[in-house]
Amino acid sequence: MSVWGCRTTFITGAGGWLQSVFAGYGGVRLTRDGALTLKNPLPPPNCTAMRLRQISYLGNFLTVEIRRDGWSVRLVDGSANSNALTGLPVANLELIMDDGKVRPLGHQPLECKSGTSATIRKSAGLNDIQ
C-alpha cells in the first residue's frame, strides 16, 4: 500500500510487537503503586539471552540481562544527585525478591535465578534523595 508515494508503516503493530518483547518475555510491569516488577523474565524461543537496556525508572536507567539460567539487573546511569541525561533527580532503588529478601540496587549486577520474580522500588532508606 502506498500513501503520498511512500510505503505506509503500521506503527501500532510495531509498538505492540515491542511491548510483547519487554512486557512478555522481559516480564517488565509497572504496578499501580509505582513499583517496577520483573515477572519471571525469560529470553524468547530459540534465543539464549536478551538484554533490555536503558529502562527509565525514577530518574535512573536500568539494564536487565536475561539468560536461560537466570537474569540480572543493574543501574547503568545516574550520579549521586541527578541523572546526566534527563537532569531528573535519581532515587535510591532496591530490589525485593519473591522471598522478601531486599537488596540495594547499584552498578554491579544483582543475579537472580531463572523462574524468579522481583520488584524494584524507591528505597525506604535514610540516604534517599527527596
C-alpha atoms as a PDB file:
ATOM      1  CA  MET A   1       0.000   0.000   0.000  1.00  0.00           C
ATOM      2  CA  SER A   2       1.358   3.426  -0.887  1.00  0.00           C
ATOM      3  CA  VAL A   3       0.332   6.794   0.539  1.00  0.00           C
ATOM      4  CA  TRP A   4       1.890  10.006  -0.837  1.00  0.00           C
ATOM      5  CA  GLY A   5       4.390   7.922  -2.768  1.00  0.00           C
ATOM      6  CA  CYS A   6       5.683   6.159   0.378  1.00  0.00           C
ATOM      7  CA  ARG A   7       5.065   2.792   1.892  1.00  0.00           C
ATOM      8  CA  THR A   8       2.906   3.013   4.976  1.00  0.00           C
ATOM      9  CA  THR A   9       4.082   1.780   8.327  1.00  0.00           C
ATOM     10  CA  PHE A  10       1.753   0.041  10.717  1.00  0.00           C
ATOM     11  CA  ILE A  11       3.229   1.875  13.720  1.00  0.00           C
ATOM     12  CA  THR A  12       0.779   0.488  16.279  1.00  0.00           C
ATOM     13  CA  GLY A  13       1.720  -3.023  15.148  1.00  0.00           C
ATOM     14  CA  ALA A  14       5.402  -2.253  15.706  1.00  0.00           C
ATOM     15  CA  GLY A  15       4.603  -0.850  19.156  1.00  0.00           C
ATOM     16  CA  GLY A  16       2.590  -3.943  20.024  1.00  0.00           C
ATOM     17  CA  TRP A  17       5.475  -6.178  18.961  1.00  0.00           C
ATOM     18  CA  LEU A  18       7.939  -4.229  21.145  1.00  0.00           C
ATOM     19  CA  GLN A  19       5.533  -4.360  24.070  1.00  0.00           C
ATOM     20  CA  SER A  20       5.234  -8.132  23.708  1.00  0.00           C
ATOM     21  CA  VAL A  21       9.034  -8.398  23.932  1.00  0.00           C
ATOM     22  CA  PHE A  22       9.686  -6.235  27.020  1.00  0.00           C
ATOM     23  CA  ALA A  23       6.447  -6.955  28.905  1.00  0.00           C
ATOM     24  CA  GLY A  24       6.003 -10.552  27.765  1.00  0.00           C
ATOM     25  CA  TYR A  25       9.440 -12.163  27.629  1.00  0.00           C
ATOM     26  CA  GLY A  26      11.105  -9.493  29.772  1.00  0.00           C
ATOM     27  CA  GLY A  27       8.295  -9.541  32.342  1.00  0.00           C
ATOM     28  CA  VAL A  28       8.509  -5.754  32.868  1.00  0.00           C
ATOM     29  CA  ARG A  29       5.425  -4.318  34.594  1.00  0.00           C
ATOM     30  CA  LEU A  30       4.649  -1.009  36.281  1.00  0.00           C
ATOM     31  CA  THR A  31       2.312  -1.546  39.239  1.00  0.00           C
ATOM     32  CA  ARG A  32      -0.447   0.755  40.488  1.00  0.00           C
ATOM     33  CA  ASP A  33       1.699   1.825  43.443  1.00  0.00           C
ATOM     34  CA  GLY A  34       4.531   2.888  41.103  1.00  0.00           C
ATOM     35  CA  ALA A  35       6.857  -0.089  41.591  1.00  0.00           C
ATOM     36  CA  LEU A  36       8.563  -1.772  38.656  1.00  0.00           C
ATOM     37  CA  THR A  37       8.251  -5.557  38.621  1.00  0.00           C
ATOM     38  CA  LEU A  38      10.153  -8.184  36.673  1.00  0.00           C
ATOM     39  CA  LYS A  39       7.921 -11.257  36.473  1.00  0.00           C
ATOM     40  CA  ASN A  40       9.854 -14.386  35.567  1.00  0.00           C
ATOM     41  CA  PRO A  41      11.898 -12.910  32.688  1.00  0.00           C
ATOM     42  CA  LEU A  42      12.972 -15.409  30.002  1.00  0.00           C
ATOM     43  CA  PRO A  43      14.557 -14.971  26.573  1.00  0.00           C
ATOM     44  CA  PRO A  44      12.333 -15.629  23.537  1.00  0.00           C
ATOM     45  CA  PRO A  45      12.257 -19.120  21.998  1.00  0.00           C
ATOM     46  CA  ASN A  46      15.392 -20.077  20.044  1.00  0.00           C
ATOM     47  CA  CYS A  47      17.386 -17.361  21.866  1.00  0.00           C
ATOM     48  CA  THR A  48      19.923 -17.894  24.620  1.00  0.00           C
ATOM     49  CA  ALA A  49      19.804 -14.359  26.040  1.00  0.00           C
ATOM     50  CA  MET A  50      18.116 -10.984  25.821  1.00  0.00           C
ATOM     51  CA  ARG A  51      19.197  -7.549  27.087  1.00  0.00           C
ATOM     52  CA  LEU A  52      16.787  -4.738  27.920  1.00  0.00           C
ATOM     53  CA  ARG A  53      18.798  -1.508  28.030  1.00  0.00           C
ATOM     54  CA  GLN A  54      18.016   1.966  29.299  1.00  0.00           C
ATOM     55  CA  ILE A  55      14.788   1.147  31.146  1.00  0.00           C
ATOM     56  CA  SER A  56      13.983   4.524  32.660  1.00  0.00           C
ATOM     57  CA  TYR A  57      12.624   4.378  36.209  1.00  0.00           C
ATOM     58  CA  LEU A  58      12.530   7.195  38.786  1.00  0.00           C
ATOM     59  CA  GLY A  59      15.362   9.125  37.115  1.00  0.00           C
ATOM     60  CA  ASN A  60      17.564   6.028  36.819  1.00  0.00           C
ATOM     61  CA  PHE A  61      18.408   3.841  33.854  1.00  0.00           C
ATOM     62  CA  LEU A  62      18.430   0.086  34.343  1.00  0.00           C
ATOM     63  CA  THR A  63      19.733  -2.789  32.265  1.00  0.00           C
ATOM     64  CA  VAL A  64      18.194  -6.232  32.603  1.00  0.00           C
ATOM     65  CA  GLU A  65      20.224  -9.183  31.252  1.00  0.00           C
ATOM     66  CA  ILE A  66      18.077 -12.279  30.732  1.00  0.00           C
ATOM     67  CA  ARG A  67      19.525 -15.752  30.161  1.00  0.00           C
ATOM     68  CA  ARG A  68      18.039 -19.242  30.209  1.00  0.00           C
ATOM     69  CA  ASP A  69      19.707 -19.967  33.584  1.00  0.00           C
ATOM     70  CA  GLY A  70      18.817 -16.653  35.272  1.00  0.00           C
ATOM     71  CA  TRP A  71      18.725 -12.892  34.964  1.00  0.00           C
ATOM     72  CA  SER A  72      20.393  -9.814  36.412  1.00  0.00           C
ATOM     73  CA  VAL A  73      19.558  -6.143  36.861  1.00  0.00           C
ATOM     74  CA  ARG A  74      21.826  -3.144  37.449  1.00  0.00           C
ATOM     75  CA  LEU A  75      21.945   0.641  37.274  1.00  0.00           C
ATOM     76  CA  VAL A  76      23.712   1.960  34.201  1.00  0.00           C
ATOM     77  CA  ASP A  77      23.467   5.720  34.581  1.00  0.00           C
ATOM     78  CA  GLY A  78      22.958   8.424  37.146  1.00  0.00           C
ATOM     79  CA  SER A  79      25.033  10.331  39.621  1.00  0.00           C
ATOM     80  CA  ALA A  80      24.552  10.960  43.302  1.00  0.00           C
ATOM     81  CA  ASN A  81      22.159  13.854  42.689  1.00  0.00           C
ATOM     82  CA  SER A  82      20.739  13.784  39.171  1.00  0.00           C
ATOM     83  CA  ASN A  83      20.665  11.744  36.010  1.00  0.00           C
ATOM     84  CA  ALA A  84      23.162  13.068  33.482  1.00  0.00           C
ATOM     85  CA  LEU A  85      20.814  12.511  30.514  1.00  0.00           C
ATOM     86  CA  THR A  86      17.482  13.711  31.889  1.00  0.00           C
ATOM     87  CA  GLY A  87      18.522  16.092  34.659  1.00  0.00           C
ATOM     88  CA  LEU A  88      15.913  14.437  36.897  1.00  0.00           C
ATOM     89  CA  PRO A  89      16.794  13.644  40.500  1.00  0.00           C
ATOM     90  CA  VAL A  90      17.604   9.977  40.945  1.00  0.00           C
ATOM     91  CA  ALA A  91      16.132   7.778  43.641  1.00  0.00           C
ATOM     92  CA  ASN A  92      17.973   5.111  45.583  1.00  0.00           C
ATOM     93  CA  LEU A  93      16.432   1.856  44.441  1.00  0.00           C
ATOM     94  CA  GLU A  94      16.092  -1.573  45.993  1.00  0.00           C
ATOM     95  CA  LEU A  95      15.263  -4.993  44.604  1.00  0.00           C
ATOM     96  CA  ILE A  96      12.725  -7.052  46.551  1.00  0.00           C
ATOM     97  CA  MET A  97      12.789 -10.745  45.668  1.00  0.00           C
ATOM     98  CA  ASP A  98       9.820 -13.157  45.777  1.00  0.00           C
ATOM     99  CA  ASP A  99      11.034 -14.479  49.124  1.00  0.00           C
ATOM    100  CA  GLY A 100      11.056 -10.960  50.644  1.00  0.00           C
ATOM    101  CA  LYS A 101      14.837 -10.517  50.565  1.00  0.00           C
ATOM    102  CA  VAL A 102      15.707  -6.845  49.939  1.00  0.00           C
ATOM    103  CA  ARG A 103      18.908  -5.873  48.108  1.00  0.00           C
ATOM    104  CA  PRO A 104      20.128  -2.354  47.253  1.00  0.00           C
ATOM    105  CA  LEU A 105      20.353  -1.774  43.500  1.00  0.00           C
ATOM    106  CA  GLY A 106      23.642  -0.393  42.202  1.00  0.00           C
ATOM    107  CA  HIS A 107      26.030  -0.519  39.256  1.00  0.00           C
ATOM    108  CA  GLN A 108      27.086  -4.114  39.989  1.00  0.00           C
ATOM    109  CA  PRO A 109      24.607  -6.653  38.541  1.00  0.00           C
ATOM    110  CA  LEU A 110      22.314  -8.390  41.013  1.00  0.00           C
ATOM    111  CA  GLU A 111      21.996 -12.006  39.870  1.00  0.00           C
ATOM    112  CA  CYS A 112      18.663 -13.834  40.154  1.00  0.00           C
ATOM    113  CA  LYS A 113      17.730 -17.432  39.386  1.00  0.00           C
ATOM    114  CA  SER A 114      15.569 -18.395  36.427  1.00  0.00           C
ATOM    115  CA  GLY A 115      11.895 -18.658  37.362  1.00  0.00           C
ATOM    116  CA  THR A 116      12.078 -15.905  39.992  1.00  0.00           C
ATOM    117  CA  SER A 117      10.385 -12.530  40.029  1.00  0.00           C
ATOM    118  CA  ALA A 118      11.283  -9.300  41.809  1.00  0.00           C
ATOM    119  CA  THR A 119      10.059  -5.774  42.423  1.00  0.00           C
ATOM    120  CA  ILE A 120      12.137  -2.615  42.091  1.00  0.00           C
ATOM    121  CA  ARG A 121      11.061   0.374  44.148  1.00  0.00           C
ATOM    122  CA  LYS A 122      12.399   3.500  45.767  1.00  0.00           C
ATOM    123  CA  SER A 123      14.436   2.594  48.802  1.00  0.00           C
ATOM    124  CA  ALA A 124      12.966   3.324  52.217  1.00  0.00           C
ATOM    125  CA  GLY A 125      16.482   4.061  53.498  1.00  0.00           C
ATOM    126  CA  LEU A 126      17.628   7.290  55.147  1.00  0.00           C
ATOM    127  CA  ASN A 127      20.016   8.225  52.304  1.00  0.00           C
ATOM    128  CA  ASP A 128      17.293   8.715  49.714  1.00  0.00           C
ATOM    129  CA  ILE A 129      17.226  11.910  47.729  1.00  0.00           C
ATOM    130  CA  GLN A 130      13.908  13.624  48.270  1.00  0.00           C
END
